[in-house]
Protein backbone atom coordinates (compact mmCIF):
# COMPACT_ATOMS: atom_id res chain seq x y z
CA MET A 1 -196.51 338.26 127.19
CA ARG A 2 -199.65 337.04 128.63
CA LYS A 3 -202.00 340.24 130.32
CA PHE A 4 -203.92 339.96 133.04
CA GLN A 5 -206.86 341.61 133.91
CA LYS A 6 -207.47 343.24 137.41
CA ALA A 7 -210.88 341.83 137.82
CA THR A 8 -210.16 338.16 137.14
CA ALA A 9 -206.28 337.98 137.84
CA LEU A 10 -205.59 334.94 140.22
CA ALA A 11 -202.82 335.71 143.33
CA LEU A 12 -200.17 338.01 143.60
CA SER A 13 -196.73 335.93 144.20
CA SER A 14 -193.46 336.39 143.87
CA ALA A 15 -192.72 338.20 140.33
CA LEU A 16 -189.88 340.51 141.55
CA ALA A 17 -186.17 338.53 142.58
CA LEU A 18 -186.24 340.46 146.11
CA THR A 19 -189.58 340.85 147.24
CA ALA A 20 -191.69 337.93 146.17
CA LEU A 21 -195.04 338.26 146.93
CA ALA A 22 -197.71 335.52 147.84
CA GLY A 23 -201.62 335.74 147.74
CA CYS A 24 -204.23 335.05 150.44
CA ASP A 25 -206.68 332.10 149.87
CA LYS A 26 -209.98 334.04 150.15
CA LYS A 27 -212.48 334.44 147.23
CA LYS A 28 -213.32 337.64 145.79
CA ASP A 29 -217.22 338.54 146.26
CA ASP A 30 -218.97 340.21 143.30
CA GLU A 31 -220.54 343.47 144.11
CA THR A 32 -224.59 343.15 143.54
CA THR A 33 -227.47 345.29 143.56
CA LYS A 34 -230.60 343.77 143.86
CA ALA A 35 -233.61 345.70 142.17
CA ASN A 36 -236.88 345.70 143.42
CA GLU A 37 -238.76 343.11 140.75
CA GLY A 38 -235.91 340.45 140.95
CA ASN A 39 -233.32 341.82 138.46
CA THR A 40 -229.71 341.74 139.59
CA THR A 41 -227.00 343.84 137.97
CA ALA A 42 -223.17 343.87 138.76
CA ALA A 43 -222.18 347.23 140.99
CA ALA A 44 -219.81 349.30 139.74
CA LYS A 45 -216.23 348.47 141.09
CA PRO A 46 -214.97 351.11 143.59
CA THR A 47 -212.11 353.08 142.45
CA GLU A 48 -208.81 352.21 143.91
CA GLY A 49 -207.89 354.25 147.23
CA THR A 50 -211.90 354.86 147.54
CA LYS A 51 -214.62 353.53 149.60
CA PRO A 52 -217.86 352.32 147.80
CA ALA A 53 -220.58 355.14 147.40
CA GLU A 54 -223.39 354.53 149.91
CA THR A 55 -226.69 354.02 148.33
CA LYS A 56 -230.50 353.69 149.47
CA ALA A 57 -233.18 351.91 148.60
CA THR A 58 -236.29 353.69 147.39
CA PRO A 59 -239.23 353.19 149.36
CA VAL A 60 -242.01 352.84 146.91
CA GLU A 61 -243.30 349.77 148.32
CA THR A 62 -243.02 348.02 151.89
CA THR A 63 -241.56 344.69 149.78
CA ALA A 64 -238.63 346.43 148.37
CA ALA A 65 -235.79 344.53 148.88
CA PRO A 66 -232.58 346.86 150.48
CA THR A 67 -229.59 347.41 148.65
CA THR A 68 -226.97 344.76 150.20
CA GLN A 69 -223.34 345.91 149.94
CA ALA A 70 -220.88 342.71 149.72
CA PRO A 71 -218.12 343.01 152.33
CA VAL A 72 -214.57 344.57 151.78
CA THR A 73 -212.17 341.96 151.99
CA GLY A 74 -208.34 340.94 151.53
CA THR A 75 -205.98 343.96 150.97
CA GLU A 76 -208.55 346.61 150.67
CA ALA A 77 -210.30 345.65 154.00
CA LYS A 78 -206.63 345.65 155.67
CA LEU A 79 -205.85 349.26 154.42
CA GLN A 80 -209.42 350.84 155.31
CA ALA A 81 -208.53 349.22 159.02
CA LEU A 82 -205.36 350.92 159.35
CA GLU A 83 -206.58 354.17 158.10
CA ALA A 84 -209.59 354.37 160.55
CA LYS A 85 -206.96 353.56 163.26
CA GLY A 86 -205.01 356.66 161.51
CA VAL A 87 -201.87 354.96 161.03
CA ASP A 88 -199.16 357.54 160.22
CA LEU A 89 -195.59 356.66 159.97
CA LYS A 90 -194.31 360.21 159.88
CA GLY A 91 -192.19 359.94 157.14
CA ARG A 92 -190.12 356.85 158.05
CA ASP A 93 -187.75 356.01 155.23
CA VAL A 94 -187.73 352.06 154.67
CA ARG A 95 -184.23 351.17 153.01
CA ILE A 96 -184.24 347.35 151.91
CA VAL A 97 -181.03 346.46 150.93
CA ASN A 98 -179.48 343.60 148.75
CA TRP A 99 -176.39 342.88 146.14
CA TRP A 100 -178.01 342.45 142.82
CA GLU A 101 -181.31 345.22 142.49
CA GLY A 102 -180.84 347.25 139.61
CA GLU A 103 -182.44 350.45 138.45
CA PRO A 104 -186.31 350.51 138.71
CA GLN A 105 -188.23 349.47 135.38
CA GLU A 106 -191.38 350.78 133.81
CA PRO A 107 -194.31 348.44 134.45
CA LYS A 108 -195.04 345.94 131.38
CA ASN A 109 -198.15 345.10 131.81
CA THR A 110 -201.46 345.75 133.76
CA TYR A 111 -200.36 343.56 136.60
CA GLU A 112 -197.32 345.63 137.13
CA GLU A 113 -199.19 348.88 136.58
CA ASP A 114 -201.31 348.02 139.37
CA LEU A 115 -198.39 346.87 141.74
CA LEU A 116 -196.89 350.10 141.39
CA ALA A 117 -200.16 351.96 142.05
CA TYR A 118 -200.95 350.25 145.46
CA ARG A 119 -197.31 350.81 146.29
CA ASN A 120 -197.36 354.31 145.80
CA ARG A 121 -200.69 354.42 147.62
CA ILE A 122 -199.90 352.78 150.55
CA GLN A 123 -196.67 355.45 150.87
CA ASP A 124 -198.59 358.17 150.26
CA THR A 125 -201.69 357.19 152.84
CA PHE A 126 -199.34 356.13 155.66
CA LYS A 127 -196.66 358.37 155.34
CA PHE A 128 -193.64 356.41 154.58
CA LYS A 129 -190.71 355.86 152.05
CA ILE A 130 -189.76 352.82 151.17
CA HIS A 131 -187.05 351.44 148.19
CA THR A 132 -184.73 348.85 147.51
CA ASP A 133 -181.10 349.24 146.99
CA ASN A 134 -177.76 347.35 145.83
CA ILE A 135 -175.32 348.11 148.58
CA GLY A 136 -172.84 345.76 146.13
CA GLY A 137 -170.67 342.85 146.87
CA TRP A 138 -171.15 339.38 147.47
CA GLY A 139 -170.14 337.49 150.64
CA GLU A 140 -167.89 339.03 152.96
CA SER A 141 -168.00 342.38 151.43
CA TYR A 142 -171.23 342.48 151.66
CA THR A 143 -172.43 340.92 155.00
CA THR A 144 -169.08 343.26 156.48
CA GLN A 145 -171.33 346.45 155.45
CA LEU A 146 -174.10 345.25 157.36
CA SER A 147 -172.66 344.15 160.58
CA SER A 148 -170.04 347.08 160.75
CA SER A 149 -172.96 349.65 160.41
CA ILE A 150 -175.08 347.61 162.80
CA THR A 151 -172.60 347.28 165.49
CA ALA A 152 -172.03 351.24 164.94
CA GLY A 153 -175.95 351.79 165.73
CA GLU A 154 -176.68 353.27 162.20
CA PRO A 155 -177.53 350.11 159.73
CA ILE A 156 -177.22 350.89 156.27
CA GLY A 157 -180.68 348.92 155.74
CA GLN A 158 -183.66 348.59 157.61
CA ILE A 159 -184.51 345.72 155.86
CA CYS A 160 -181.57 343.82 155.08
CA VAL A 161 -181.22 340.82 152.75
CA LEU A 162 -178.99 337.79 153.44
CA ASP A 163 -178.29 334.62 151.41
CA ALA A 164 -179.12 331.50 153.71
CA GLY A 165 -175.48 330.72 153.60
CA TRP A 166 -174.84 333.96 155.60
CA VAL A 167 -177.37 333.68 158.33
CA ALA A 168 -175.39 331.96 160.99
CA GLY A 169 -172.40 334.57 161.07
CA LEU A 170 -174.96 337.64 161.77
CA MET A 171 -177.38 335.80 163.82
CA ASN A 172 -174.92 334.07 165.91
CA ASN A 173 -173.83 337.82 166.62
CA LYS A 174 -177.01 338.96 167.51
CA MET A 175 -177.59 341.35 164.95
CA PHE A 176 -181.16 340.15 164.53
CA ALA A 177 -183.88 341.73 165.87
CA PRO A 178 -186.61 339.38 167.38
CA LEU A 179 -189.40 339.54 164.59
CA ASP A 180 -192.28 337.82 166.89
CA THR A 181 -191.88 340.46 169.38
CA LEU A 182 -193.50 342.86 166.86
CA SER A 183 -197.37 343.52 166.60
CA ASN A 184 -197.21 344.63 163.13
CA LEU A 185 -196.04 341.26 161.68
CA ASP A 186 -198.78 338.46 161.53
CA PHE A 187 -196.50 335.27 160.55
CA SER A 188 -199.90 333.04 160.37
CA ALA A 189 -200.67 334.99 156.89
CA GLU A 190 -200.29 332.90 154.01
CA LYS A 191 -197.83 334.68 152.38
CA TRP A 192 -194.90 334.10 154.79
CA ASN A 193 -192.45 331.14 153.76
CA LYS A 194 -192.89 328.91 156.56
CA GLY A 195 -189.99 327.01 156.29
CA VAL A 196 -187.66 330.33 156.37
CA LEU A 197 -189.45 330.93 160.03
CA GLU A 198 -188.70 327.51 161.11
CA ALA A 199 -185.09 327.47 160.21
CA VAL A 200 -184.29 331.23 161.73
CA SER A 201 -186.43 330.17 164.78
CA PHE A 202 -184.56 329.57 168.38
CA ALA A 203 -185.40 329.85 172.12
CA GLY A 204 -188.97 330.91 171.30
CA HIS A 205 -188.17 333.56 169.16
CA ILE A 206 -188.13 334.36 165.07
CA TYR A 207 -185.29 336.13 163.80
CA GLY A 208 -185.87 336.33 159.91
CA MET A 209 -188.49 335.96 157.61
CA ALA A 210 -189.07 335.57 153.76
CA VAL A 211 -191.82 336.01 151.09
CA ASP A 212 -193.26 333.11 149.16
CA HIS A 213 -191.02 330.58 147.13
CA GLU A 214 -188.79 331.02 144.84
CA PRO A 215 -188.02 328.27 142.01
CA ARG A 216 -185.06 326.21 143.03
CA GLY A 217 -183.56 322.79 141.66
CA GLY A 218 -185.05 321.31 138.55
CA ILE A 219 -183.96 319.80 135.01
CA PHE A 220 -183.35 321.61 132.03
CA PHE A 221 -184.14 319.53 128.99
CA ASN A 222 -183.15 319.75 125.09
CA LYS A 223 -186.43 318.77 123.28
CA ARG A 224 -184.55 317.97 119.60
CA LEU A 225 -182.29 315.28 121.90
CA LEU A 226 -184.95 313.69 123.26
CA GLN A 227 -186.85 313.44 119.98
CA GLU A 228 -183.65 311.84 118.62
CA ALA A 229 -183.69 309.48 121.28
CA GLY A 230 -187.44 308.19 120.56
CA TYR A 231 -189.35 310.45 123.07
CA GLY A 232 -191.98 313.47 122.15
CA ALA A 233 -190.70 317.10 122.76
CA ASP A 234 -193.10 317.39 125.66
CA ASP A 235 -193.01 313.86 126.95
CA LEU A 236 -190.99 314.95 130.08
CA TYR A 237 -193.87 317.34 131.03
CA ASP A 238 -196.39 314.56 130.08
CA PHE A 239 -194.40 312.36 132.60
CA GLN A 240 -194.31 315.12 135.34
CA LYS A 241 -198.02 315.75 135.01
CA ASP A 242 -199.37 312.22 135.08
CA GLY A 243 -197.09 310.93 138.02
CA LYS A 244 -194.64 309.09 135.88
CA TRP A 245 -191.64 311.14 136.57
CA THR A 246 -189.53 308.90 139.01
CA TRP A 247 -186.14 307.63 139.25
CA SER A 248 -186.61 304.52 136.99
CA LYS A 249 -188.29 307.04 134.31
CA PHE A 250 -185.51 309.16 134.38
CA GLU A 251 -182.80 306.48 134.16
CA GLU A 252 -184.49 304.98 131.02
CA VAL A 253 -184.27 308.63 129.43
CA LEU A 254 -180.57 309.25 130.76
CA LYS A 255 -179.85 305.51 128.88
CA ALA A 256 -181.77 306.60 125.63
CA CYS A 257 -180.11 310.06 125.58
CA THR A 258 -176.55 308.76 125.72
CA ARG A 259 -175.76 307.65 122.45
CA ASP A 260 -172.81 306.52 120.06
CA LYS A 261 -174.63 307.77 116.90
CA ASP A 262 -172.01 307.28 114.42
CA GLY A 263 -170.75 303.93 115.69
CA ASP A 264 -167.29 304.93 115.94
CA GLY A 265 -167.25 303.58 120.06
CA GLU A 266 -167.49 306.91 121.33
CA ILE A 267 -170.28 309.06 123.10
CA ASP A 268 -171.78 311.67 120.75
CA THR A 269 -174.78 312.67 122.85
CA TRP A 270 -175.09 312.26 126.77
CA GLY A 271 -178.07 311.79 128.83
CA MET A 272 -177.08 314.77 131.25
CA VAL A 273 -174.04 317.42 131.77
CA ASN A 274 -174.07 319.15 135.66
CA PHE A 275 -172.11 320.73 138.25
CA ASN A 276 -171.73 317.79 140.49
CA SER A 277 -172.75 319.97 143.59
CA ASP A 278 -175.81 321.01 142.19
CA TYR A 279 -176.77 317.45 140.80
CA PHE A 280 -176.15 315.72 144.11
CA SER A 281 -178.21 318.17 146.15
CA ILE A 282 -181.14 318.14 144.33
CA ALA A 283 -180.96 314.39 143.77
CA ILE A 284 -180.64 313.89 147.16
CA TYR A 285 -183.56 316.41 148.61
CA SER A 286 -185.29 314.67 145.84
CA SER A 287 -185.62 311.33 147.84
CA GLY A 288 -187.03 313.07 150.93
CA ALA A 289 -183.46 312.59 152.53
CA GLN A 290 -181.49 315.96 153.79
CA PHE A 291 -178.28 317.23 154.98
CA VAL A 292 -179.51 318.33 158.78
CA SER A 293 -182.72 318.57 160.48
CA LYS A 294 -183.81 320.70 163.56
CA ASP A 295 -185.06 318.77 166.78
CA LYS A 296 -187.86 320.17 169.18
CA ASP A 297 -185.38 322.90 171.00
CA GLY A 298 -184.40 324.20 167.60
CA HIS A 299 -180.86 322.56 167.46
CA PHE A 300 -179.69 321.11 163.93
CA VAL A 301 -179.31 317.54 163.91
CA ASN A 302 -176.97 315.74 161.19
CA GLU A 303 -178.66 313.55 158.94
CA MET A 304 -176.17 312.45 156.70
CA THR A 305 -175.22 309.45 158.19
CA THR A 306 -178.60 307.94 157.87
CA GLN A 307 -179.59 305.07 155.57
CA LYS A 308 -181.98 307.14 153.67
CA PHE A 309 -179.56 309.78 153.08
CA LEU A 310 -176.64 306.94 152.14
CA ASP A 311 -179.33 305.15 149.51
CA ALA A 312 -180.23 308.39 147.94
CA LEU A 313 -176.35 309.38 147.41
CA THR A 314 -175.74 305.87 146.08
CA TRP A 315 -178.15 306.11 143.62
CA ALA A 316 -177.09 309.62 142.24
CA ASN A 317 -173.80 308.44 141.99
CA ASP A 318 -174.50 305.55 139.84
CA MET A 319 -176.70 308.07 137.50
CA TRP A 320 -173.51 310.18 137.43
CA GLN A 321 -171.00 307.74 136.53
CA LYS A 322 -173.17 306.22 133.78
CA TYR A 323 -174.91 309.22 132.28
CA ALA A 324 -173.08 312.29 132.85
CA GLU A 325 -170.65 313.80 130.27
CA PRO A 326 -167.35 313.76 131.50
CA GLN A 327 -165.59 316.85 132.01
CA PRO A 328 -163.78 317.70 128.63
CA ALA A 329 -159.76 317.75 129.00
CA ASP A 330 -158.22 321.34 129.14
CA SER A 331 -161.52 322.90 130.40
CA ASP A 332 -162.78 325.12 133.03
CA TRP A 333 -164.49 323.97 136.39
CA ASP A 334 -168.16 325.76 134.75
CA TYR A 335 -167.40 323.25 131.16
CA PHE A 336 -171.36 322.47 131.81
CA LYS A 337 -172.95 325.53 130.61
CA GLN A 338 -171.03 325.43 127.53
CA CYS A 339 -171.65 321.81 126.92
CA PHE A 340 -175.83 322.00 127.48
CA ALA A 341 -175.72 325.12 125.31
CA LYS A 342 -173.97 323.38 122.56
CA GLY A 343 -176.28 320.95 122.98
CA GLU A 344 -174.10 317.83 123.68
CA ALA A 345 -176.23 316.31 126.49
CA ALA A 346 -180.39 316.20 126.92
CA MET A 347 -180.90 317.56 130.48
CA ARG A 348 -178.59 319.66 132.69
CA VAL A 349 -179.73 319.31 136.56
CA THR A 350 -179.25 322.89 138.24
CA GLU A 351 -181.06 325.65 139.68
CA GLU A 352 -183.97 327.65 137.69
CA TYR A 353 -181.74 330.59 137.63
CA ALA A 354 -179.47 329.21 135.34
CA LYS A 355 -181.36 329.55 132.38
CA SER A 356 -179.94 332.84 131.81
CA GLU A 357 -176.58 330.95 130.96
CA PHE A 358 -177.80 328.90 128.10
CA LYS A 359 -181.17 331.57 127.14
CA ASP A 360 -179.54 332.99 124.36
CA GLN A 361 -177.04 330.14 122.81
CA LEU A 362 -179.05 327.13 122.82
CA THR A 363 -180.71 327.37 119.39
CA ASP A 364 -182.68 324.05 120.12
CA GLU A 365 -186.07 324.33 122.01
CA TRP A 366 -185.44 323.39 125.70
CA GLY A 367 -187.91 322.91 128.40
CA PHE A 368 -188.00 322.55 132.56
CA VAL A 369 -189.42 320.07 134.89
CA CYS A 370 -189.03 319.35 138.39
CA PHE A 371 -186.25 316.58 139.54
CA PRO A 372 -188.08 313.16 139.61
CA CYS A 373 -188.85 311.32 142.81
CA PRO A 374 -188.26 307.75 143.78
CA ASP A 375 -190.44 305.18 142.53
CA GLY A 376 -193.85 305.33 144.31
CA GLN A 377 -193.19 308.74 146.28
CA GLU A 378 -194.33 311.96 144.59
CA ILE A 379 -192.18 314.83 143.40
CA LEU A 380 -190.55 316.91 146.23
CA CYS A 381 -189.33 320.27 145.52
CA TYR A 382 -186.53 322.38 148.07
CA ASP A 383 -187.00 325.77 148.90
CA LYS A 384 -183.50 327.68 149.51
CA GLU A 385 -184.86 331.20 149.98
CA ASN A 386 -183.14 334.62 151.09
CA VAL A 387 -183.36 335.37 154.26
CA LEU A 388 -184.57 339.17 155.66
CA PHE A 389 -184.39 340.42 158.80
CA ILE A 390 -184.31 343.88 160.73
CA PRO A 391 -181.45 345.23 162.61
CA SER A 392 -181.46 344.52 166.59
CA SER A 393 -179.97 348.17 167.05
CA TYR A 394 -183.93 349.53 166.44
CA SER A 395 -186.02 350.16 169.28
CA ASN A 396 -188.86 348.00 169.34
CA ASP A 397 -191.01 350.56 168.33
CA GLU A 398 -188.82 351.64 165.45
CA ALA A 399 -188.60 348.16 164.70
CA ASN A 400 -192.61 347.77 164.18
CA GLU A 401 -192.76 350.76 162.11
CA ILE A 402 -190.34 349.19 159.72
CA ALA A 403 -192.13 345.87 159.48
CA LEU A 404 -195.54 347.54 159.28
CA ALA A 405 -193.99 349.03 155.64
CA TYR A 406 -192.65 346.06 154.77
CA ASP A 407 -195.61 343.98 155.75
CA LEU A 408 -197.72 346.29 153.37
CA PHE A 409 -195.04 346.29 150.45
CA THR A 410 -195.13 342.61 150.06
CA ASP A 411 -198.78 342.21 150.26
CA PRO A 412 -200.98 341.63 147.09
CA ALA A 413 -202.40 344.87 145.39
CA PRO A 414 -206.23 344.94 145.59
CA GLY A 415 -207.76 342.95 143.03
CA TYR A 416 -204.70 340.16 142.90
CA GLU A 417 -205.39 338.23 146.06
CA ASP A 418 -206.60 334.81 144.51
CA GLY A 419 -204.78 334.71 141.05
CA GLU A 420 -201.37 333.54 139.45
CA ALA A 421 -200.10 337.52 138.50
CA TRP A 422 -196.44 336.33 139.74
CA LYS A 423 -196.72 334.30 136.34
CA GLU A 424 -196.44 337.06 134.28
CA ALA A 425 -192.77 337.60 135.28
CA TYR A 426 -191.66 334.31 134.02
CA TYR A 427 -193.37 333.59 130.59
CA GLY A 428 -191.15 335.79 128.72
CA ALA A 429 -187.68 333.98 129.98
CA TYR A 430 -189.13 330.32 129.00
CA VAL A 431 -189.55 328.64 125.59
CA ASP A 432 -193.27 327.13 126.80
CA SER A 433 -195.54 328.34 128.80
CA ARG A 434 -195.86 324.47 130.54
CA ALA A 435 -192.73 325.32 132.26
CA VAL A 436 -194.30 328.18 134.21
CA ASP A 437 -197.89 326.68 134.55
CA GLU A 438 -196.80 323.38 135.59
CA THR A 439 -193.19 323.01 136.87
CA LEU A 440 -192.97 326.56 138.48
CA ASN A 441 -196.10 326.41 139.87
CA MET A 442 -194.96 322.94 141.87
CA MET A 443 -192.06 324.97 142.99
CA LYS A 444 -193.87 327.78 144.41
CA ARG A 445 -197.34 326.27 144.87
CA GLY A 446 -196.71 322.48 145.20
CA LYS A 447 -197.81 320.52 148.47
CA ASN A 448 -194.66 318.96 148.74
CA ILE A 449 -191.78 321.84 149.13
CA LYS A 450 -188.82 321.15 151.79
CA ASN A 451 -186.79 323.66 153.23
CA ARG A 452 -182.80 323.13 153.16
CA MET A 453 -181.59 323.71 156.68
CA ASP A 454 -178.19 322.79 155.84
CA SER A 455 -177.65 326.24 154.55
CA TYR A 456 -178.11 327.96 158.03
CA VAL A 457 -174.88 325.66 159.82
CA ALA A 458 -172.02 327.77 159.64
CA GLY A 459 -168.90 325.96 157.83
CA LEU A 460 -170.82 323.03 156.84
CA SER A 461 -170.54 324.00 153.09
CA ASP A 462 -167.02 323.67 153.28
CA THR A 463 -167.04 320.32 153.97
CA LEU A 464 -169.74 319.04 151.45
CA GLY A 465 -166.94 319.75 148.54
CA SER A 466 -163.52 318.35 148.62
CA GLY A 467 -163.34 314.73 150.10
CA PHE A 468 -166.95 314.39 149.46
CA ILE A 469 -169.22 315.27 146.55
CA TRP A 470 -166.03 316.03 144.19
CA ASP A 471 -164.41 313.02 145.17
CA ILE A 472 -167.53 310.83 144.70
CA ALA A 473 -168.20 312.51 141.11
CA GLY A 474 -164.52 312.11 140.54
CA GLY A 475 -164.43 308.07 141.34
CA ALA A 476 -161.81 308.86 144.12
CA VAL A 477 -164.19 307.26 146.79
CA THR A 478 -167.80 305.30 147.19
CA PRO A 479 -170.49 307.20 148.83
CA ALA A 480 -170.19 305.11 151.60
CA GLU A 481 -166.22 305.76 152.10
CA ALA A 482 -166.91 309.46 151.77
CA VAL A 483 -169.86 309.55 154.22
CA GLU A 484 -167.57 307.53 156.92
CA ALA A 485 -164.46 310.23 156.21
CA LYS A 486 -166.68 312.97 156.63
CA LYS A 487 -168.95 312.32 159.39
CA GLY A 488 -166.57 313.47 162.34
CA ALA A 489 -166.41 316.89 160.62
CA TRP A 490 -170.21 317.27 160.04
CA ASP A 491 -170.59 316.30 163.47
CA GLN A 492 -168.12 318.83 164.90
CA VAL A 493 -169.74 321.92 162.58
CA ILE A 494 -173.27 320.95 163.63
CA ALA A 495 -171.98 321.14 167.36
CA ASP A 496 -170.52 324.27 166.99
CA GLN A 497 -173.75 326.24 165.37
CA ASN A 498 -175.95 324.51 168.08
CA ALA A 499 -173.38 325.86 170.81
CA ALA A 500 -173.50 329.58 169.13
CA LEU A 501 -177.37 329.43 169.12
CA ASP A 502 -177.25 328.60 173.57
CA VAL A 503 -174.87 331.44 173.79
CA LEU A 504 -177.41 333.82 171.64
CA LYS A 505 -180.00 332.24 174.10
CA ALA A 506 -178.37 332.96 177.16
CA GLN A 507 -177.72 336.57 176.34
């Protein structure tokens, strides 16, 4: 695993599953001292948590240059400003709750050591405690714990994490504090996920937040099968890097890898094997199409009846029917996991976290690239982030203190504002570094990242399986027929969500 030296590390971003951290864009200035005769030596870096020592120039000659001190910037400057104000959170306990957190682990590298030291420092300096807890459950079990505790005026967490698909249910019931009213949150800072801020904004208020971007949909590929089909082991990386990873190139690779190797008339290796819902959704977003958007008033708009959406859906279905491994007889719904792990297909289209499903089973070397783009366009990555909120049962002053603790908790440690320290958490999970340096970098730092809005419409996901994606993939209906059959249901659930937001606005 790579080591990052504190003085040269590039920015802190999302390394932990929950508290993804993003760095600032400012460059860190070297501290220098100019000697009387023009010689330059580097000034000693102040120890963390202390101010630089004051120095005086010896007045031996009137021409002697005074000692200069570079201004303190970044996280250190923010901490010093808060200390100067005498900020004291008086022992406030801030509990961040989610459904997956494990026991805290010991730091594994210099970056994690410095991050831990920074977090201990802010808690000691500003007199608060912050910790992350797994309250258990998924879906209704989890959200019920949150809603019942908030309704009772005793929130189970001060910062609550939600899957994007759960946001509407709690937001519609006025469980979220309006975060834009809190002076301790500056949403113009680079670390905040702007797509999430847009998704949970309504009637002039922002109700949820997220830090950074989590890598999402892409393509895992089997290097051996690509080589057997005539490609180099890293060609997909090269296509992506050189701007050649397009729908046409993708079909070329799919076709080459779908092979009858022994001439018996049966396909032995397939171009891809996927969960149909993952594949179709990722393919649609790669085109620039989307399921829903938001208008200037914050209402959701149906985009699934547009020509752009239908064109992307039709192309994706064409690739599926030609090159996707069919579900084997008598297999479970998640057959695609084992099929890829056993090396039956060259590619698997899914979300980044799925690597754990084959990482220790696939003996062949593998890699990870973004989903390709339509010819003539640039690769577009989609964003589907967890959303964090502060319960509405807190007073504005209480919420503001909670907000300050979380804001500090998610800032980069001093010395890591401009780096790539987030990569350290990913290198060990991949076979090669290009997956991290190139693919994940595009998903987290790329210029084309589009937030998925469909998750924030209550009930919409229930209309996207049966009668739509599942039936299209199974060949029961054409894409055009499926859109025609579903558009009424889509319009209704979107109208219901907009009506719920209007009620929220009126309260």
